[in-house]
Amino acid sequence: MKKAKFWFRASLIVSSMLVVFGAYFILIYGSLMDGLVHIGLGLIVGIDSWVKLFKKK
């Protein structure tokens, strides 16, 4: 059970960091393609965890 909770939190952290990093690429460097790739990866990695998080609340 502890491993599942760890992977749940890790998935949330990694996905949010990828989205933030993608926004950073778009805003600072103006690289739209790189930013969208990072944002897309963040959504793919963490969509299941985010849905579970908001269903609990």
N, C-alpha and C. Protein backbone atom coordinates (compact mmCIF):
# COMPACT_ATOMS: atom_id res chain seq x y z
N MET A 1 0.81 -1.19 0.00
CA MET A 1 0.00 0.00 0.00
C MET A 1 0.86 1.26 0.00
N LYS A 2 1.99 1.21 0.70
CA LYS A 2 2.86 2.38 0.74
C LYS A 2 3.45 2.69 -0.62
N LYS A 3 3.78 1.62 -1.40
CA LYS A 3 4.34 1.85 -2.72
C LYS A 3 3.33 2.52 -3.64
N ALA A 4 2.07 2.12 -3.52
CA ALA A 4 1.04 2.73 -4.36
C ALA A 4 0.88 4.21 -4.04
N LYS A 5 0.93 4.55 -2.76
CA LYS A 5 0.82 5.96 -2.36
C LYS A 5 2.03 6.76 -2.83
N PHE A 6 3.20 6.14 -2.76
CA PHE A 6 4.41 6.80 -3.23
C PHE A 6 4.33 7.08 -4.73
N TRP A 7 3.92 6.08 -5.52
CA TRP A 7 3.84 6.25 -6.97
C TRP A 7 2.76 7.25 -7.36
N PHE A 8 1.68 7.31 -6.57
CA PHE A 8 0.61 8.28 -6.80
C PHE A 8 1.15 9.70 -6.63
N ARG A 9 1.84 9.93 -5.54
CA ARG A 9 2.42 11.26 -5.29
C ARG A 9 3.51 11.60 -6.29
N ALA A 10 4.34 10.63 -6.62
CA ALA A 10 5.42 10.86 -7.58
C ALA A 10 4.84 11.22 -8.95
N SER A 11 3.79 10.56 -9.35
CA SER A 11 3.15 10.85 -10.63
C SER A 11 2.60 12.27 -10.66
N LEU A 12 1.97 12.69 -9.56
CA LEU A 12 1.45 14.06 -9.48
C LEU A 12 2.57 15.09 -9.57
N ILE A 13 3.66 14.84 -8.87
CA ILE A 13 4.78 15.78 -8.86
C ILE A 13 5.44 15.85 -10.24
N VAL A 14 5.69 14.71 -10.85
CA VAL A 14 6.35 14.69 -12.16
C VAL A 14 5.47 15.34 -13.22
N SER A 15 4.19 15.04 -13.20
CA SER A 15 3.31 15.63 -14.21
C SER A 15 3.19 17.15 -14.04
N SER A 16 3.08 17.62 -12.81
CA SER A 16 2.99 19.06 -12.61
C SER A 16 4.29 19.76 -13.00
N MET A 17 5.42 19.14 -12.71
CA MET A 17 6.70 19.75 -13.08
C MET A 17 6.88 19.79 -14.60
N LEU A 18 6.42 18.76 -15.30
CA LEU A 18 6.51 18.78 -16.76
C LEU A 18 5.65 19.88 -17.35
N VAL A 19 4.46 20.09 -16.80
CA VAL A 19 3.60 21.16 -17.29
C VAL A 19 4.23 22.52 -17.02
N VAL A 20 4.78 22.71 -15.83
CA VAL A 20 5.44 23.98 -15.50
C VAL A 20 6.66 24.21 -16.38
N PHE A 21 7.43 23.16 -16.60
CA PHE A 21 8.62 23.28 -17.45
C PHE A 21 8.22 23.60 -18.88
N GLY A 22 7.12 23.02 -19.35
CA GLY A 22 6.62 23.33 -20.69
C GLY A 22 6.18 24.77 -20.81
N ALA A 23 5.50 25.27 -19.78
CA ALA A 23 5.10 26.68 -19.79
C ALA A 23 6.32 27.60 -19.75
N TYR A 24 7.34 27.18 -19.02
CA TYR A 24 8.59 27.95 -18.97
C TYR A 24 9.22 28.03 -20.36
N PHE A 25 9.26 26.92 -21.07
CA PHE A 25 9.80 26.93 -22.43
C PHE A 25 9.04 27.88 -23.33
N ILE A 26 7.72 27.86 -23.22
CA ILE A 26 6.91 28.72 -24.08
C ILE A 26 7.10 30.18 -23.73
N LEU A 27 7.08 30.51 -22.45
CA LEU A 27 7.13 31.92 -22.05
C LEU A 27 8.52 32.52 -22.14
N ILE A 28 9.54 31.79 -21.74
CA ILE A 28 10.89 32.36 -21.69
C ILE A 28 11.61 32.23 -23.03
N TYR A 29 11.62 31.01 -23.58
CA TYR A 29 12.38 30.77 -24.81
C TYR A 29 11.57 30.98 -26.07
N GLY A 30 10.25 30.99 -25.97
CA GLY A 30 9.41 31.15 -27.14
C GLY A 30 9.37 29.91 -28.02
N SER A 31 9.76 28.80 -27.47
CA SER A 31 9.78 27.54 -28.22
C SER A 31 8.45 26.82 -27.99
N LEU A 32 7.51 27.08 -28.88
CA LEU A 32 6.17 26.54 -28.72
C LEU A 32 6.14 25.02 -28.82
N MET A 33 6.87 24.46 -29.74
CA MET A 33 6.84 23.02 -29.95
C MET A 33 7.40 22.27 -28.73
N ASP A 34 8.55 22.71 -28.22
CA ASP A 34 9.13 22.06 -27.04
C ASP A 34 8.20 22.19 -25.84
N GLY A 35 7.61 23.35 -25.67
CA GLY A 35 6.70 23.56 -24.56
C GLY A 35 5.47 22.67 -24.64
N LEU A 36 4.90 22.56 -25.82
CA LEU A 36 3.72 21.72 -25.98
C LEU A 36 4.05 20.24 -25.80
N VAL A 37 5.25 19.82 -26.19
CA VAL A 37 5.66 18.44 -25.97
C VAL A 37 5.75 18.15 -24.47
N HIS A 38 6.35 19.05 -23.72
CA HIS A 38 6.47 18.85 -22.28
C HIS A 38 5.11 18.88 -21.59
N ILE A 39 4.24 19.78 -22.00
CA ILE A 39 2.91 19.84 -21.42
C ILE A 39 2.12 18.58 -21.75
N GLY A 40 2.24 18.12 -22.97
CA GLY A 40 1.57 16.87 -23.36
C GLY A 40 2.07 15.68 -22.58
N LEU A 41 3.38 15.60 -22.38
CA LEU A 41 3.93 14.50 -21.58
C LEU A 41 3.45 14.58 -20.14
N GLY A 42 3.36 15.79 -19.61
CA GLY A 42 2.86 15.95 -18.25
C GLY A 42 1.43 15.49 -18.11
N LEU A 43 0.62 15.78 -19.12
CA LEU A 43 -0.77 15.33 -19.07
C LEU A 43 -0.87 13.82 -19.22
N ILE A 44 -0.05 13.24 -20.09
CA ILE A 44 -0.09 11.80 -20.29
C ILE A 44 0.37 11.06 -19.04
N VAL A 45 1.42 11.54 -18.41
CA VAL A 45 1.97 10.87 -17.23
C VAL A 45 0.99 10.91 -16.06
N GLY A 46 0.33 12.03 -15.85
CA GLY A 46 -0.42 12.18 -14.62
C GLY A 46 -1.92 12.26 -14.72
N ILE A 47 -2.50 12.03 -15.90
CA ILE A 47 -3.94 12.23 -16.03
C ILE A 47 -4.72 11.30 -15.11
N ASP A 48 -4.29 10.07 -14.98
CA ASP A 48 -4.99 9.12 -14.12
C ASP A 48 -4.91 9.54 -12.65
N SER A 49 -3.76 9.99 -12.23
CA SER A 49 -3.59 10.41 -10.84
C SER A 49 -4.40 11.67 -10.54
N TRP A 50 -4.44 12.61 -11.47
CA TRP A 50 -5.21 13.83 -11.25
C TRP A 50 -6.69 13.53 -11.17
N VAL A 51 -7.17 12.61 -12.01
CA VAL A 51 -8.59 12.23 -11.97
C VAL A 51 -8.92 11.57 -10.63
N LYS A 52 -8.05 10.67 -10.17
CA LYS A 52 -8.27 10.03 -8.87
C LYS A 52 -8.25 11.03 -7.73
N LEU A 53 -7.35 12.01 -7.81
CA LEU A 53 -7.25 13.01 -6.76
C LEU A 53 -8.52 13.83 -6.65
N PHE A 54 -9.07 14.26 -7.79
CA PHE A 54 -10.25 15.11 -7.75
C PHE A 54 -11.53 14.32 -7.50
N LYS A 55 -11.53 13.02 -7.80
CA LYS A 55 -12.70 12.20 -7.47
C LYS A 55 -12.79 11.96 -5.97
N LYS A 56 -11.64 11.90 -5.29
CA LYS A 56 -11.64 11.69 -3.84
C LYS A 56 -12.23 12.89 -3.12
N LYS A 57 -11.99 14.08 -3.65
CA LYS A 57 -12.47 15.31 -2.99
C LYS A 57 -13.78 15.64 -3.57
